[in-house]
Amino acid sequence: MTLCPCCGQRVDTDSLLVSLETNTVSRRGHTATLSPTHIEILHKLQQTYPLPATHESLDNALYGKTTLNSRSEQPKLVVRVHISQMRRALRAMGIEIEPVYGVGYRMVVS
């Protein structure tokens, strides 16, 4: 059994716990602290699991629904860089993030 990083309760070791408050993700006895940006992306992928999250929804998770002037001019590139940075920490937990070409990204839990 694993303890939840935010409340300390026991949880099933295969459960994926994403805490927006503590910026942590836990699964199978592994816990990783991610940046707030990475946690937002992972949270969006978890919400849409097993379906892919679109590039637009991931961009909205990062920047909110704001005017185009305050967003990145290349949202797909920004999201791709963040996902690349997240992969190593998540791989130890049996979590992969796959591109879905023309759509966005999908979380795969093994």
PDB file of N, CA and C in Angstrom:
ATOM      1  N   MET A   1       0.829  -1.194   0.000  1.00  0.00           N
ATOM      2  CA  MET A   1       0.000   0.000   0.000  1.00  0.00           C
ATOM      3  C   MET A   1       0.866   1.249   0.000  1.00  0.00           C
ATOM      4  N   THR A   2       0.344   2.280  -0.603  1.00  0.00           N
ATOM      5  CA  THR A   2       1.004   3.570  -0.694  1.00  0.00           C
ATOM      6  C   THR A   2       0.166   4.586   0.061  1.00  0.00           C
ATOM      7  N   LEU A   3       0.820   5.611   0.585  1.00  0.00           N
ATOM      8  CA  LEU A   3       0.105   6.695   1.243  1.00  0.00           C
ATOM      9  C   LEU A   3      -0.065   7.858   0.283  1.00  0.00           C
ATOM     10  N   CYS A   4      -1.237   8.445   0.311  1.00  0.00           N
ATOM     11  CA  CYS A   4      -1.517   9.613  -0.509  1.00  0.00           C
ATOM     12  C   CYS A   4      -0.617  10.766  -0.055  1.00  0.00           C
ATOM     13  N   PRO A   5       0.055  11.474  -0.997  1.00  0.00           N
ATOM     14  CA  PRO A   5       0.957  12.552  -0.598  1.00  0.00           C
ATOM     15  C   PRO A   5       0.253  13.765   0.003  1.00  0.00           C
ATOM     16  N   CYS A   6      -1.042  13.938  -0.268  1.00  0.00           N
ATOM     17  CA  CYS A   6      -1.708  15.124   0.271  1.00  0.00           C
ATOM     18  C   CYS A   6      -2.504  14.849   1.544  1.00  0.00           C
ATOM     19  N   CYS A   7      -3.131  13.660   1.664  1.00  0.00           N
ATOM     20  CA  CYS A   7      -3.965  13.409   2.851  1.00  0.00           C
ATOM     21  C   CYS A   7      -3.422  12.302   3.749  1.00  0.00           C
ATOM     22  N   GLY A   8      -2.447  11.515   3.264  1.00  0.00           N
ATOM     23  CA  GLY A   8      -1.846  10.480   4.083  1.00  0.00           C
ATOM     24  C   GLY A   8      -2.638   9.191   4.192  1.00  0.00           C
ATOM     25  N   GLN A   9      -3.770   9.070   3.495  1.00  0.00           N
ATOM     26  CA  GLN A   9      -4.572   7.849   3.548  1.00  0.00           C
ATOM     27  C   GLN A   9      -3.958   6.766   2.673  1.00  0.00           C
ATOM     28  N   ARG A  10      -4.221   5.511   3.030  1.00  0.00           N
ATOM     29  CA  ARG A  10      -3.736   4.401   2.220  1.00  0.00           C
ATOM     30  C   ARG A  10      -4.516   4.327   0.918  1.00  0.00           C
ATOM     31  N   VAL A  11      -3.799   4.013  -0.152  1.00  0.00           N
ATOM     32  CA  VAL A  11      -4.438   3.850  -1.454  1.00  0.00           C
ATOM     33  C   VAL A  11      -3.853   2.623  -2.132  1.00  0.00           C
ATOM     34  N   ASP A  12      -4.593   2.094  -3.083  1.00  0.00           N
ATOM     35  CA  ASP A  12      -4.140   0.964  -3.884  1.00  0.00           C
ATOM     36  C   ASP A  12      -2.887   1.376  -4.651  1.00  0.00           C
ATOM     37  N   THR A  13      -1.895   0.491  -4.703  1.00  0.00           N
ATOM     38  CA  THR A  13      -0.619   0.840  -5.319  1.00  0.00           C
ATOM     39  C   THR A  13      -0.705   1.046  -6.820  1.00  0.00           C
ATOM     40  N   ASP A  14      -1.733   0.529  -7.475  1.00  0.00           N
ATOM     41  CA  ASP A  14      -1.872   0.748  -8.906  1.00  0.00           C
ATOM     42  C   ASP A  14      -2.633   2.032  -9.228  1.00  0.00           C
ATOM     43  N   SER A  15      -3.212   2.664  -8.223  1.00  0.00           N
ATOM     44  CA  SER A  15      -3.941   3.906  -8.456  1.00  0.00           C
ATOM     45  C   SER A  15      -2.979   5.028  -8.795  1.00  0.00           C
ATOM     46  N   LEU A  16      -3.379   5.856  -9.713  1.00  0.00           N
ATOM     47  CA  LEU A  16      -2.596   7.029 -10.084  1.00  0.00           C
ATOM     48  C   LEU A  16      -3.136   8.215  -9.307  1.00  0.00           C
ATOM     49  N   LEU A  17      -2.296   8.803  -8.489  1.00  0.00           N
ATOM     50  CA  LEU A  17      -2.695   9.960  -7.689  1.00  0.00           C
ATOM     51  C   LEU A  17      -1.964  11.200  -8.184  1.00  0.00           C
ATOM     52  N   VAL A  18      -2.712  12.177  -8.629  1.00  0.00           N
ATOM     53  CA  VAL A  18      -2.148  13.442  -9.081  1.00  0.00           C
ATOM     54  C   VAL A  18      -2.638  14.514  -8.126  1.00  0.00           C
ATOM     55  N   SER A  19      -1.713  15.169  -7.434  1.00  0.00           N
ATOM     56  CA  SER A  19      -2.076  16.212  -6.477  1.00  0.00           C
ATOM     57  C   SER A  19      -1.679  17.576  -7.017  1.00  0.00           C
ATOM     58  N   LEU A  20      -2.693  18.393  -7.304  1.00  0.00           N
ATOM     59  CA  LEU A  20      -2.434  19.754  -7.771  1.00  0.00           C
ATOM     60  C   LEU A  20      -1.922  20.642  -6.642  1.00  0.00           C
ATOM     61  N   GLU A  21      -2.254  20.273  -5.394  1.00  0.00           N
ATOM     62  CA  GLU A  21      -1.839  21.080  -4.245  1.00  0.00           C
ATOM     63  C   GLU A  21      -0.347  20.925  -3.941  1.00  0.00           C
ATOM     64  N   THR A  22       0.153  19.685  -4.045  1.00  0.00           N
ATOM     65  CA  THR A  22       1.549  19.422  -3.688  1.00  0.00           C
ATOM     66  C   THR A  22       2.434  19.193  -4.905  1.00  0.00           C
ATOM     67  N   ASN A  23       1.850  19.258  -6.108  1.00  0.00           N
ATOM     68  CA  ASN A  23       2.581  19.025  -7.361  1.00  0.00           C
ATOM     69  C   ASN A  23       3.265  17.667  -7.387  1.00  0.00           C
ATOM     70  N   THR A  24       2.576  16.650  -6.876  1.00  0.00           N
ATOM     71  CA  THR A  24       3.137  15.304  -6.858  1.00  0.00           C
ATOM     72  C   THR A  24       2.242  14.339  -7.617  1.00  0.00           C
ATOM     73  N   VAL A  25       2.873  13.273  -8.085  1.00  0.00           N
ATOM     74  CA  VAL A  25       2.163  12.177  -8.724  1.00  0.00           C
ATOM     75  C   VAL A  25       2.699  10.898  -8.097  1.00  0.00           C
ATOM     76  N   SER A  26       1.795   9.970  -7.762  1.00  0.00           N
ATOM     77  CA  SER A  26       2.187   8.723  -7.105  1.00  0.00           C
ATOM     78  C   SER A  26       1.502   7.545  -7.774  1.00  0.00           C
ATOM     79  N   ARG A  27       2.267   6.454  -7.874  1.00  0.00           N
ATOM     80  CA  ARG A  27       1.729   5.192  -8.378  1.00  0.00           C
ATOM     81  C   ARG A  27       2.757   4.106  -8.121  1.00  0.00           C
ATOM     82  N   ARG A  28       2.275   2.925  -7.714  1.00  0.00           N
ATOM     83  CA  ARG A  28       3.119   1.748  -7.499  1.00  0.00           C
ATOM     84  C   ARG A  28       4.281   2.014  -6.541  1.00  0.00           C
ATOM     85  N   GLY A  29       4.050   2.784  -5.520  1.00  0.00           N
ATOM     86  CA  GLY A  29       5.086   3.043  -4.529  1.00  0.00           C
ATOM     87  C   GLY A  29       6.090   4.104  -4.926  1.00  0.00           C
ATOM     88  N   HIS A  30       5.953   4.682  -6.110  1.00  0.00           N
ATOM     89  CA  HIS A  30       6.836   5.753  -6.567  1.00  0.00           C
ATOM     90  C   HIS A  30       6.101   7.083  -6.453  1.00  0.00           C
ATOM     91  N   THR A  31       6.792   8.088  -5.987  1.00  0.00           N
ATOM     92  CA  THR A  31       6.241   9.439  -5.939  1.00  0.00           C
ATOM     93  C   THR A  31       7.239  10.374  -6.597  1.00  0.00           C
ATOM     94  N   ALA A  32       6.734  11.262  -7.424  1.00  0.00           N
ATOM     95  CA  ALA A  32       7.591  12.249  -8.087  1.00  0.00           C
ATOM     96  C   ALA A  32       6.970  13.623  -7.909  1.00  0.00           C
ATOM     97  N   THR A  33       7.816  14.596  -7.720  1.00  0.00           N
ATOM     98  CA  THR A  33       7.380  15.982  -7.666  1.00  0.00           C
ATOM     99  C   THR A  33       7.636  16.598  -9.036  1.00  0.00           C
ATOM    100  N   LEU A  34       6.594  17.133  -9.622  1.00  0.00           N
ATOM    101  CA  LEU A  34       6.693  17.757 -10.932  1.00  0.00           C
ATOM    102  C   LEU A  34       6.478  19.257 -10.796  1.00  0.00           C
ATOM    103  N   SER A  35       6.827  19.983 -11.830  1.00  0.00           N
ATOM    104  CA  SER A  35       6.571  21.422 -11.824  1.00  0.00           C
ATOM    105  C   SER A  35       5.066  21.653 -11.911  1.00  0.00           C
ATOM    106  N   PRO A  36       4.590  22.812 -11.489  1.00  0.00           N
ATOM    107  CA  PRO A  36       3.155  23.099 -11.608  1.00  0.00           C
ATOM    108  C   PRO A  36       2.641  22.957 -13.039  1.00  0.00           C
ATOM    109  N   THR A  37       3.449  23.326 -14.011  1.00  0.00           N
ATOM    110  CA  THR A  37       3.068  23.200 -15.415  1.00  0.00           C
ATOM    111  C   THR A  37       2.895  21.734 -15.791  1.00  0.00           C
ATOM    112  N   HIS A  38       3.831  20.897 -15.386  1.00  0.00           N
ATOM    113  CA  HIS A  38       3.763  19.475 -15.708  1.00  0.00           C
ATOM    114  C   HIS A  38       2.582  18.798 -15.023  1.00  0.00           C
ATOM    115  N   ILE A  39       2.297  19.208 -13.791  1.00  0.00           N
ATOM    116  CA  ILE A  39       1.134  18.649 -13.080  1.00  0.00           C
ATOM    117  C   ILE A  39      -0.158  19.016 -13.795  1.00  0.00           C
ATOM    118  N   GLU A  40      -0.259  20.232 -14.290  1.00  0.00           N
ATOM    119  CA  GLU A  40      -1.469  20.644 -15.025  1.00  0.00           C
ATOM    120  C   GLU A  40      -1.658  19.798 -16.274  1.00  0.00           C
ATOM    121  N   ILE A  41      -0.581  19.537 -16.998  1.00  0.00           N
ATOM    122  CA  ILE A  41      -0.665  18.698 -18.199  1.00  0.00           C
ATOM    123  C   ILE A  41      -1.079  17.279 -17.821  1.00  0.00           C
ATOM    124  N   LEU A  42      -0.434  16.716 -16.815  1.00  0.00           N
ATOM    125  CA  LEU A  42      -0.760  15.358 -16.388  1.00  0.00           C
ATOM    126  C   LEU A  42      -2.202  15.266 -15.895  1.00  0.00           C
ATOM    127  N   HIS A  43      -2.654  16.269 -15.180  1.00  0.00           N
ATOM    128  CA  HIS A  43      -4.034  16.287 -14.693  1.00  0.00           C
ATOM    129  C   HIS A  43      -5.015  16.272 -15.868  1.00  0.00           C
ATOM    130  N   LYS A  44      -4.735  17.042 -16.900  1.00  0.00           N
ATOM    131  CA  LYS A  44      -5.602  17.063 -18.085  1.00  0.00           C
ATOM    132  C   LYS A  44      -5.584  15.707 -18.784  1.00  0.00           C
ATOM    133  N   LEU A  45      -4.405  15.076 -18.882  1.00  0.00           N
ATOM    134  CA  LEU A  45      -4.321  13.751 -19.487  1.00  0.00           C
ATOM    135  C   LEU A  45      -5.081  12.719 -18.662  1.00  0.00           C
ATOM    136  N   GLN A  46      -5.033  12.853 -17.346  1.00  0.00           N
ATOM    137  CA  GLN A  46      -5.760  11.942 -16.463  1.00  0.00           C
ATOM    138  C   GLN A  46      -7.277  12.124 -16.626  1.00  0.00           C
ATOM    139  N   GLN A  47      -7.715  13.360 -16.790  1.00  0.00           N
ATOM    140  CA  GLN A  47      -9.145  13.625 -16.955  1.00  0.00           C
ATOM    141  C   GLN A  47      -9.695  13.013 -18.239  1.00  0.00           C
ATOM    142  N   THR A  48      -8.907  12.989 -19.291  1.00  0.00           N
ATOM    143  CA  THR A  48      -9.382  12.477 -20.569  1.00  0.00           C
ATOM    144  C   THR A  48      -9.074  10.997 -20.775  1.00  0.00           C
ATOM    145  N   TYR A  49      -8.301  10.388 -19.868  1.00  0.00           N
ATOM    146  CA  TYR A  49      -7.881   8.988 -19.989  1.00  0.00           C
ATOM    147  C   TYR A  49      -9.084   8.077 -20.125  1.00  0.00           C
ATOM    148  N   PRO A  50      -9.099   7.146 -21.037  1.00  0.00           N
ATOM    149  CA  PRO A  50      -8.055   6.672 -21.937  1.00  0.00           C
ATOM    150  C   PRO A  50      -8.044   7.376 -23.289  1.00  0.00           C
ATOM    151  N   LEU A  51      -8.899   8.345 -23.474  1.00  0.00           N
ATOM    152  CA  LEU A  51      -8.923   9.089 -24.732  1.00  0.00           C
ATOM    153  C   LEU A  51      -7.801  10.121 -24.752  1.00  0.00           C
ATOM    154  N   PRO A  52      -7.429  10.592 -25.927  1.00  0.00           N
ATOM    155  CA  PRO A  52      -6.378  11.608 -25.983  1.00  0.00           C
ATOM    156  C   PRO A  52      -6.898  12.985 -25.580  1.00  0.00           C
ATOM    157  N   ALA A  53      -5.993  13.790 -25.069  1.00  0.00           N
ATOM    158  CA  ALA A  53      -6.283  15.203 -24.805  1.00  0.00           C
ATOM    159  C   ALA A  53      -5.828  15.985 -26.035  1.00  0.00           C
ATOM    160  N   THR A  54      -6.650  16.887 -26.499  1.00  0.00           N
ATOM    161  CA  THR A  54      -6.303  17.645 -27.696  1.00  0.00           C
ATOM    162  C   THR A  54      -5.222  18.675 -27.389  1.00  0.00           C
ATOM    163  N   HIS A  55      -4.543  19.104 -28.437  1.00  0.00           N
ATOM    164  CA  HIS A  55      -3.542  20.157 -28.274  1.00  0.00           C
ATOM    165  C   HIS A  55      -4.178  21.399 -27.650  1.00  0.00           C
ATOM    166  N   GLU A  56      -5.386  21.726 -28.090  1.00  0.00           N
ATOM    167  CA  GLU A  56      -6.081  22.907 -27.571  1.00  0.00           C
ATOM    168  C   GLU A  56      -6.403  22.775 -26.085  1.00  0.00           C
ATOM    169  N   SER A  57      -6.861  21.601 -25.655  1.00  0.00           N
ATOM    170  CA  SER A  57      -7.194  21.430 -24.238  1.00  0.00           C
ATOM    171  C   SER A  57      -5.940  21.463 -23.368  1.00  0.00           C
ATOM    172  N   LEU A  58      -4.835  20.938 -23.874  1.00  0.00           N
ATOM    173  CA  LEU A  58      -3.578  21.006 -23.119  1.00  0.00           C
ATOM    174  C   LEU A  58      -3.072  22.440 -23.041  1.00  0.00           C
ATOM    175  N   ASP A  59      -3.220  23.184 -24.136  1.00  0.00           N
ATOM    176  CA  ASP A  59      -2.840  24.599 -24.133  1.00  0.00           C
ATOM    177  C   ASP A  59      -3.704  25.378 -23.146  1.00  0.00           C
ATOM    178  N   ASN A  60      -5.005  25.070 -23.104  1.00  0.00           N
ATOM    179  CA  ASN A  60      -5.903  25.726 -22.145  1.00  0.00           C
ATOM    180  C   ASN A  60      -5.538  25.370 -20.710  1.00  0.00           C
ATOM    181  N   ALA A  61      -5.079  24.139 -20.478  1.00  0.00           N
ATOM    182  CA  ALA A  61      -4.655  23.743 -19.129  1.00  0.00           C
ATOM    183  C   ALA A  61      -3.448  24.563 -18.686  1.00  0.00           C
ATOM    184  N   LEU A  62      -2.590  24.895 -19.633  1.00  0.00           N
ATOM    185  CA  LEU A  62      -1.391  25.680 -19.302  1.00  0.00           C
ATOM    186  C   LEU A  62      -1.689  27.159 -19.129  1.00  0.00           C
ATOM    187  N   TYR A  63      -2.470  27.701 -20.031  1.00  0.00           N
ATOM    188  CA  TYR A  63      -2.657  29.158 -20.071  1.00  0.00           C
ATOM    189  C   TYR A  63      -4.059  29.617 -19.726  1.00  0.00           C
ATOM    190  N   GLY A  64      -4.989  28.702 -19.560  1.00  0.00           N
ATOM    191  CA  GLY A  64      -6.370  29.093 -19.328  1.00  0.00           C
ATOM    192  C   GLY A  64      -6.995  29.572 -20.622  1.00  0.00           C
ATOM    193  N   LYS A  65      -8.241  29.880 -20.568  1.00  0.00           N
ATOM    194  CA  LYS A  65      -8.923  30.382 -21.759  1.00  0.00           C
ATOM    195  C   LYS A  65      -8.740  31.887 -21.816  1.00  0.00           C
ATOM    196  N   THR A  66      -7.603  32.277 -22.322  1.00  0.00           N
ATOM    197  CA  THR A  66      -7.258  33.685 -22.398  1.00  0.00           C
ATOM    198  C   THR A  66      -7.186  34.118 -23.853  1.00  0.00           C
ATOM    199  N   THR A  67      -6.912  35.385 -24.047  1.00  0.00           N
ATOM    200  CA  THR A  67      -6.786  35.872 -25.412  1.00  0.00           C
ATOM    201  C   THR A  67      -5.535  35.298 -26.043  1.00  0.00           C
ATOM    202  N   LEU A  68      -5.526  35.253 -27.338  1.00  0.00           N
ATOM    203  CA  LEU A  68      -4.380  34.682 -28.052  1.00  0.00           C
ATOM    204  C   LEU A  68      -3.093  35.450 -27.786  1.00  0.00           C
ATOM    205  N   ASN A  69      -3.175  36.730 -27.449  1.00  0.00           N
ATOM    206  CA  ASN A  69      -1.972  37.518 -27.210  1.00  0.00           C
ATOM    207  C   ASN A  69      -1.169  37.024 -26.016  1.00  0.00           C
ATOM    208  N   SER A  70      -1.828  36.419 -25.020  1.00  0.00           N
ATOM    209  CA  SER A  70      -1.109  35.974 -23.829  1.00  0.00           C
ATOM    210  C   SER A  70      -0.696  34.508 -23.910  1.00  0.00           C
ATOM    211  N   ARG A  71      -1.092  33.830 -24.959  1.00  0.00           N
ATOM    212  CA  ARG A  71      -0.721  32.437 -25.149  1.00  0.00           C
ATOM    213  C   ARG A  71       0.569  32.342 -25.937  1.00  0.00           C
ATOM    214  N   SER A  72       1.106  31.154 -25.918  1.00  0.00           N
ATOM    215  CA  SER A  72       2.266  30.870 -26.743  1.00  0.00           C
ATOM    216  C   SER A  72       1.859  30.954 -28.204  1.00  0.00           C
ATOM    217  N   GLU A  73       2.759  31.396 -29.031  1.00  0.00           N
ATOM    218  CA  GLU A  73       2.475  31.447 -30.463  1.00  0.00           C
ATOM    219  C   GLU A  73       2.586  30.058 -31.092  1.00  0.00           C
ATOM    220  N   GLN A  74       3.256  29.141 -30.407  1.00  0.00           N
ATOM    221  CA  GLN A  74       3.401  27.783 -30.898  1.00  0.00           C
ATOM    222  C   GLN A  74       2.986  26.790 -29.818  1.00  0.00           C
ATOM    223  N   PRO A  75       1.677  26.677 -29.556  1.00  0.00           N
ATOM    224  CA  PRO A  75       1.220  25.843 -28.437  1.00  0.00           C
ATOM    225  C   PRO A  75       1.631  24.378 -28.566  1.00  0.00           C
ATOM    226  N   LYS A  76       1.630  23.831 -29.785  1.00  0.00           N
ATOM    227  CA  LYS A  76       2.014  22.424 -29.943  1.00  0.00           C
ATOM    228  C   LYS A  76       3.460  22.202 -29.542  1.00  0.00           C
ATOM    229  N   LEU A  77       4.329  23.123 -29.900  1.00  0.00           N
ATOM    230  CA  LEU A  77       5.741  22.999 -29.560  1.00  0.00           C
ATOM    231  C   LEU A  77       5.952  23.115 -28.055  1.00  0.00           C
ATOM    232  N   VAL A  78       5.272  24.045 -27.409  1.00  0.00           N
ATOM    233  CA  VAL A  78       5.406  24.228 -25.960  1.00  0.00           C
ATOM    234  C   VAL A  78       4.955  22.973 -25.223  1.00  0.00           C
ATOM    235  N   VAL A  79       3.814  22.427 -25.596  1.00  0.00           N
ATOM    236  CA  VAL A  79       3.301  21.213 -24.947  1.00  0.00           C
ATOM    237  C   VAL A  79       4.253  20.052 -25.197  1.00  0.00           C
ATOM    238  N   ARG A  80       4.775  19.930 -26.418  1.00  0.00           N
ATOM    239  CA  ARG A  80       5.701  18.834 -26.740  1.00  0.00           C
ATOM    240  C   ARG A  80       6.951  18.888 -25.876  1.00  0.00           C
ATOM    241  N   VAL A  81       7.486  20.084 -25.637  1.00  0.00           N
ATOM    242  CA  VAL A  81       8.678  20.236 -24.795  1.00  0.00           C
ATOM    243  C   VAL A  81       8.364  19.827 -23.354  1.00  0.00           C
ATOM    244  N   HIS A  82       7.241  20.258 -22.823  1.00  0.00           N
ATOM    245  CA  HIS A  82       6.874  19.893 -21.449  1.00  0.00           C
ATOM    246  C   HIS A  82       6.676  18.383 -21.309  1.00  0.00           C
ATOM    247  N   ILE A  83       6.016  17.765 -22.268  1.00  0.00           N
ATOM    248  CA  ILE A  83       5.784  16.324 -22.198  1.00  0.00           C
ATOM    249  C   ILE A  83       7.106  15.568 -22.278  1.00  0.00           C
ATOM    250  N   SER A  84       7.998  16.029 -23.104  1.00  0.00           N
ATOM    251  CA  SER A  84       9.320  15.408 -23.187  1.00  0.00           C
ATOM    252  C   SER A  84      10.035  15.450 -21.842  1.00  0.00           C
ATOM    253  N   GLN A  85       9.908  16.546 -21.141  1.00  0.00           N
ATOM    254  CA  GLN A  85      10.547  16.705 -19.830  1.00  0.00           C
ATOM    255  C   GLN A  85       9.904  15.805 -18.777  1.00  0.00           C
ATOM    256  N   MET A  86       8.633  15.500 -18.906  1.00  0.00           N
ATOM    257  CA  MET A  86       7.898  14.708 -17.917  1.00  0.00           C
ATOM    258  C   MET A  86       8.126  13.204 -18.051  1.00  0.00           C
ATOM    259  N   ARG A  87       8.468  12.747 -19.219  1.00  0.00           N
ATOM    260  CA  ARG A  87       8.466  11.309 -19.516  1.00  0.00           C
ATOM    261  C   ARG A  87       9.343  10.479 -18.593  1.00  0.00           C
ATOM    262  N   ARG A  88      10.523  10.927 -18.264  1.00  0.00           N
ATOM    263  CA  ARG A  88      11.427  10.125 -17.434  1.00  0.00           C
ATOM    264  C   ARG A  88      10.832   9.863 -16.055  1.00  0.00           C
ATOM    265  N   ALA A  89      10.285  10.883 -15.423  1.00  0.00           N
ATOM    266  CA  ALA A  89       9.709  10.723 -14.087  1.00  0.00           C
ATOM    267  C   ALA A  89       8.504   9.787 -14.106  1.00  0.00           C
ATOM    268  N   LEU A  90       7.727   9.830 -15.173  1.00  0.00           N
ATOM    269  CA  LEU A  90       6.512   9.017 -15.241  1.00  0.00           C
ATOM    270  C   LEU A  90       6.788   7.577 -15.658  1.00  0.00           C
ATOM    271  N   ARG A  91       7.838   7.358 -16.413  1.00  0.00           N
ATOM    272  CA  ARG A  91       8.150   6.006 -16.904  1.00  0.00           C
ATOM    273  C   ARG A  91       8.362   5.026 -15.750  1.00  0.00           C
ATOM    274  N   ALA A  92       8.978   5.481 -14.650  1.00  0.00           N
ATOM    275  CA  ALA A  92       9.217   4.613 -13.491  1.00  0.00           C
ATOM    276  C   ALA A  92       7.905   4.151 -12.857  1.00  0.00           C
ATOM    277  N   MET A  93       6.826   4.859 -13.105  1.00  0.00           N
ATOM    278  CA  MET A  93       5.515   4.510 -12.556  1.00  0.00           C
ATOM    279  C   MET A  93       4.668   3.714 -13.533  1.00  0.00           C
ATOM    280  N   GLY A  94       5.230   3.384 -14.687  1.00  0.00           N
ATOM    281  CA  GLY A  94       4.474   2.638 -15.690  1.00  0.00           C
ATOM    282  C   GLY A  94       3.520   3.508 -16.479  1.00  0.00           C
ATOM    283  N   ILE A  95       3.863   4.787 -16.609  1.00  0.00           N
ATOM    284  CA  ILE A  95       3.017   5.730 -17.337  1.00  0.00           C
ATOM    285  C   ILE A  95       3.793   6.243 -18.542  1.00  0.00           C
ATOM    286  N   GLU A  96       3.188   6.134 -19.700  1.00  0.00           N
ATOM    287  CA  GLU A  96       3.768   6.668 -20.929  1.00  0.00           C
ATOM    288  C   GLU A  96       2.811   7.716 -21.482  1.00  0.00           C
ATOM    289  N   ILE A  97       3.355   8.678 -22.194  1.00  0.00           N
ATOM    290  CA  ILE A  97       2.537   9.673 -22.876  1.00  0.00           C
ATOM    291  C   ILE A  97       2.853   9.542 -24.360  1.00  0.00           C
ATOM    292  N   GLU A  98       1.829   9.162 -25.119  1.00  0.00           N
ATOM    293  CA  GLU A  98       1.991   8.916 -26.548  1.00  0.00           C
ATOM    294  C   GLU A  98       1.388  10.052 -27.354  1.00  0.00           C
ATOM    295  N   PRO A  99       2.042  10.412 -28.449  1.00  0.00           N
ATOM    296  CA  PRO A  99       1.417  11.385 -29.348  1.00  0.00           C
ATOM    297  C   PRO A  99       0.302  10.719 -30.148  1.00  0.00           C
ATOM    298  N   VAL A 100      -0.760  11.441 -30.367  1.00  0.00           N
ATOM    299  CA  VAL A 100      -1.830  11.018 -31.259  1.00  0.00           C
ATOM    300  C   VAL A 100      -1.830  12.056 -32.366  1.00  0.00           C
ATOM    301  N   TYR A 101      -1.202  11.705 -33.461  1.00  0.00           N
ATOM    302  CA  TYR A 101      -0.928  12.667 -34.522  1.00  0.00           C
ATOM    303  C   TYR A 101      -2.197  13.327 -35.041  1.00  0.00           C
ATOM    304  N   GLY A 102      -2.137  14.644 -35.116  1.00  0.00           N
ATOM    305  CA  GLY A 102      -3.261  15.438 -35.571  1.00  0.00           C
ATOM    306  C   GLY A 102      -4.285  15.725 -34.494  1.00  0.00           C
ATOM    307  N   VAL A 103      -4.105  15.147 -33.286  1.00  0.00           N
ATOM    308  CA  VAL A 103      -5.084  15.331 -32.205  1.00  0.00           C
ATOM    309  C   VAL A 103      -4.418  15.944 -30.986  1.00  0.00           C
ATOM    310  N   GLY A 104      -3.456  15.218 -30.384  1.00  0.00           N
ATOM    311  CA  GLY A 104      -2.829  15.677 -29.152  1.00  0.00           C
ATOM    312  C   GLY A 104      -1.991  14.568 -28.548  1.00  0.00           C
ATOM    313  N   TYR A 105      -2.252  14.253 -27.259  1.00  0.00           N
ATOM    314  CA  TYR A 105      -1.489  13.230 -26.544  1.00  0.00           C
ATOM    315  C   TYR A 105      -2.429  12.370 -25.712  1.00  0.00           C
ATOM    316  N   ARG A 106      -1.992  11.104 -25.492  1.00  0.00           N
ATOM    317  CA  ARG A 106      -2.771  10.169 -24.720  1.00  0.00           C
ATOM    318  C   ARG A 106      -1.858   9.556 -23.648  1.00  0.00           C
ATOM    319  N   MET A 107      -2.397   9.397 -22.443  1.00  0.00           N
ATOM    320  CA  MET A 107      -1.690   8.735 -21.365  1.00  0.00           C
ATOM    321  C   MET A 107      -1.965   7.240 -21.473  1.00  0.00           C
ATOM    322  N   VAL A 108      -0.889   6.438 -21.368  1.00  0.00           N
ATOM    323  CA  VAL A 108      -0.990   4.989 -21.401  1.00  0.00           C
ATOM    324  C   VAL A 108      -0.459   4.467 -20.084  1.00  0.00           C
ATOM    325  N   VAL A 109      -1.290   3.730 -19.360  1.00  0.00           N
ATOM    326  CA  VAL A 109      -0.912   3.200 -18.047  1.00  0.00           C
ATOM    327  C   VAL A 109      -0.755   1.691 -18.172  1.00  0.00           C
ATOM    328  N   SER A 110       0.430   1.196 -17.812  1.00  0.00           N
ATOM    329  CA  SER A 110       0.663  -0.247 -17.921  1.00  0.00           C
ATOM    330  C   SER A 110       0.764  -0.870 -16.547  1.00  0.00           C
TER     331      SER A 110
END
